[in-house]
């Protein structure tokens, strides 16, 4: 089976579909937030060569255990061990 040219596969649970000019159509990256609070796509979403953001809400048991406010947001910066800091595959569409 041939891999389509508009598909960037980093890992089995992290991949991006793009159109012919490089706009992201679909992003799948398990454990990472691809949209901000307003629902807009984050600029570096789907590019594992850059830092990825994971936003979570603190649940009841976690708030008791860690002394955090219930329902507060917890933001974590994630970096891919394999791809972070390497050349971005999106550079071919940037002019």
C-alpha atoms as a PDB file:
ATOM      1  CA  UNK A   1       0.000   0.000   0.000  1.00  0.00           C
ATOM      2  CA  UNK A   2       1.344   3.424  -0.941  1.00  0.00           C
ATOM      3  CA  UNK A   3       1.430   6.291   1.571  1.00  0.00           C
ATOM      4  CA  UNK A   4      -0.404   9.395   0.326  1.00  0.00           C
ATOM      5  CA  UNK A   5       1.679  12.546  -0.205  1.00  0.00           C
ATOM      6  CA  UNK A   6      -0.634  14.690   1.899  1.00  0.00           C
ATOM      7  CA  UNK A   7      -0.137  12.545   4.996  1.00  0.00           C
ATOM      8  CA  UNK A   8       2.549  12.974   7.665  1.00  0.00           C
ATOM      9  CA  UNK A   9       2.864   9.968   9.960  1.00  0.00           C
ATOM     10  CA  UNK A  10       5.042  10.440  13.003  1.00  0.00           C
ATOM     11  CA  UNK A  11       3.862   7.503  15.098  1.00  0.00           C
ATOM     12  CA  UNK A  12       0.788   5.227  15.110  1.00  0.00           C
ATOM     13  CA  UNK A  13      -1.147   7.639  17.360  1.00  0.00           C
ATOM     14  CA  UNK A  14       0.247  10.884  15.946  1.00  0.00           C
ATOM     15  CA  UNK A  15      -0.420  11.848  12.346  1.00  0.00           C
ATOM     16  CA  UNK A  16      -1.562  14.803  10.218  1.00  0.00           C
ATOM     17  CA  UNK A  17      -3.499  15.119   6.951  1.00  0.00           C
ATOM     18  CA  UNK A  18      -2.751  18.282   4.942  1.00  0.00           C
ATOM     19  CA  UNK A  19      -4.065  19.756   1.711  1.00  0.00           C
ATOM     20  CA  UNK A  20      -1.958  20.644  -1.337  1.00  0.00           C
ATOM     21  CA  UNK A  21      -0.832  24.002   0.065  1.00  0.00           C
ATOM     22  CA  UNK A  22       0.037  22.721   3.542  1.00  0.00           C
ATOM     23  CA  UNK A  23      -3.081  23.613   5.537  1.00  0.00           C
ATOM     24  CA  UNK A  24      -3.826  21.052   8.222  1.00  0.00           C
ATOM     25  CA  UNK A  25      -7.062  19.174   7.558  1.00  0.00           C
ATOM     26  CA  UNK A  26      -7.046  16.566  10.325  1.00  0.00           C
ATOM     27  CA  UNK A  27      -4.699  16.178  13.265  1.00  0.00           C
ATOM     28  CA  UNK A  28      -4.570  13.108  15.469  1.00  0.00           C
ATOM     29  CA  UNK A  29      -2.202  13.183  18.413  1.00  0.00           C
ATOM     30  CA  UNK A  30      -3.255  11.199  21.438  1.00  0.00           C
ATOM     31  CA  UNK A  31      -2.736  12.972  24.757  1.00  0.00           C
ATOM     32  CA  UNK A  32      -2.170  16.440  23.296  1.00  0.00           C
ATOM     33  CA  UNK A  33      -4.507  19.411  22.859  1.00  0.00           C
ATOM     34  CA  UNK A  34      -4.737  20.596  19.262  1.00  0.00           C
ATOM     35  CA  UNK A  35      -7.192  23.479  19.869  1.00  0.00           C
ATOM     36  CA  UNK A  36      -7.112  26.418  22.266  1.00  0.00           C
ATOM     37  CA  UNK A  37      -9.951  27.340  24.647  1.00  0.00           C
ATOM     38  CA  UNK A  38     -11.769  29.232  21.865  1.00  0.00           C
ATOM     39  CA  UNK A  39     -11.654  26.201  19.536  1.00  0.00           C
ATOM     40  CA  UNK A  40      -8.988  27.602  17.198  1.00  0.00           C
ATOM     41  CA  UNK A  41      -6.223  25.329  15.953  1.00  0.00           C
ATOM     42  CA  UNK A  42      -2.924  25.872  17.769  1.00  0.00           C
ATOM     43  CA  UNK A  43      -0.138  26.998  15.383  1.00  0.00           C
ATOM     44  CA  UNK A  44       2.244  24.149  16.280  1.00  0.00           C
ATOM     45  CA  UNK A  45      -0.439  21.462  16.631  1.00  0.00           C
ATOM     46  CA  UNK A  46       0.507  18.251  14.874  1.00  0.00           C
ATOM     47  CA  UNK A  47       4.168  19.208  14.397  1.00  0.00           C
ATOM     48  CA  UNK A  48       6.109  16.873  16.684  1.00  0.00           C
ATOM     49  CA  UNK A  49       9.359  18.703  15.950  1.00  0.00           C
ATOM     50  CA  UNK A  50       8.030  21.470  18.255  1.00  0.00           C
ATOM     51  CA  UNK A  51       6.632  21.539  21.788  1.00  0.00           C
ATOM     52  CA  UNK A  52       3.060  20.284  22.168  1.00  0.00           C
ATOM     53  CA  UNK A  53       0.597  21.426  24.833  1.00  0.00           C
ATOM     54  CA  UNK A  54      -1.595  19.149  26.899  1.00  0.00           C
ATOM     55  CA  UNK A  55      -4.410  20.814  28.870  1.00  0.00           C
ATOM     56  CA  UNK A  56      -6.320  18.856  31.492  1.00  0.00           C
ATOM     57  CA  UNK A  57      -8.873  19.631  34.173  1.00  0.00           C
ATOM     58  CA  UNK A  58      -7.976  18.559  37.709  1.00  0.00           C
ATOM     59  CA  UNK A  59     -10.397  15.883  38.919  1.00  0.00           C
ATOM     60  CA  UNK A  60     -11.691  15.439  42.476  1.00  0.00           C
ATOM     61  CA  UNK A  61      -9.321  12.715  43.692  1.00  0.00           C
ATOM     62  CA  UNK A  62      -6.286  14.411  42.140  1.00  0.00           C
ATOM     63  CA  UNK A  63      -7.200  17.739  43.759  1.00  0.00           C
ATOM     64  CA  UNK A  64      -7.340  16.085  47.185  1.00  0.00           C
ATOM     65  CA  UNK A  65      -4.097  14.176  46.714  1.00  0.00           C
ATOM     66  CA  UNK A  66      -2.047  17.033  45.263  1.00  0.00           C
ATOM     67  CA  UNK A  67      -3.651  19.991  47.046  1.00  0.00           C
ATOM     68  CA  UNK A  68      -4.884  21.658  43.846  1.00  0.00           C
ATOM     69  CA  UNK A  69      -8.143  23.509  43.232  1.00  0.00           C
ATOM     70  CA  UNK A  70     -10.913  21.261  41.962  1.00  0.00           C
ATOM     71  CA  UNK A  71     -11.665  21.954  38.298  1.00  0.00           C
ATOM     72  CA  UNK A  72      -8.543  24.045  37.713  1.00  0.00           C
ATOM     73  CA  UNK A  73      -6.605  23.682  34.474  1.00  0.00           C
ATOM     74  CA  UNK A  74      -3.308  21.832  34.402  1.00  0.00           C
ATOM     75  CA  UNK A  75      -1.093  22.610  31.395  1.00  0.00           C
ATOM     76  CA  UNK A  76       1.834  20.358  30.471  1.00  0.00           C
ATOM     77  CA  UNK A  77       4.413  20.932  27.728  1.00  0.00           C
ATOM     78  CA  UNK A  78       5.312  17.712  25.923  1.00  0.00           C
ATOM     79  CA  UNK A  79       8.303  17.056  23.666  1.00  0.00           C
ATOM     80  CA  UNK A  80       8.664  14.053  21.402  1.00  0.00           C
ATOM     81  CA  UNK A  81      11.783  12.022  22.186  1.00  0.00           C
ATOM     82  CA  UNK A  82      12.113  10.932  18.552  1.00  0.00           C
ATOM     83  CA  UNK A  83      11.157  14.055  16.607  1.00  0.00           C
ATOM     84  CA  UNK A  84      11.659  17.173  18.801  1.00  0.00           C
ATOM     85  CA  UNK A  85      14.270  19.570  17.432  1.00  0.00           C
ATOM     86  CA  UNK A  86      14.564  17.931  14.002  1.00  0.00           C
ATOM     87  CA  UNK A  87      13.556  19.495  10.663  1.00  0.00           C
ATOM     88  CA  UNK A  88       9.816  19.969  10.355  1.00  0.00           C
ATOM     89  CA  UNK A  89       8.052  18.117   7.509  1.00  0.00           C
ATOM     90  CA  UNK A  90       5.840  21.208   7.110  1.00  0.00           C
ATOM     91  CA  UNK A  91       8.813  23.221   5.770  1.00  0.00           C
ATOM     92  CA  UNK A  92       8.151  21.960   2.220  1.00  0.00           C
ATOM     93  CA  UNK A  93       4.946  24.064   2.061  1.00  0.00           C
ATOM     94  CA  UNK A  94       6.465  27.205   3.599  1.00  0.00           C
ATOM     95  CA  UNK A  95       7.702  29.639   0.993  1.00  0.00           C
END
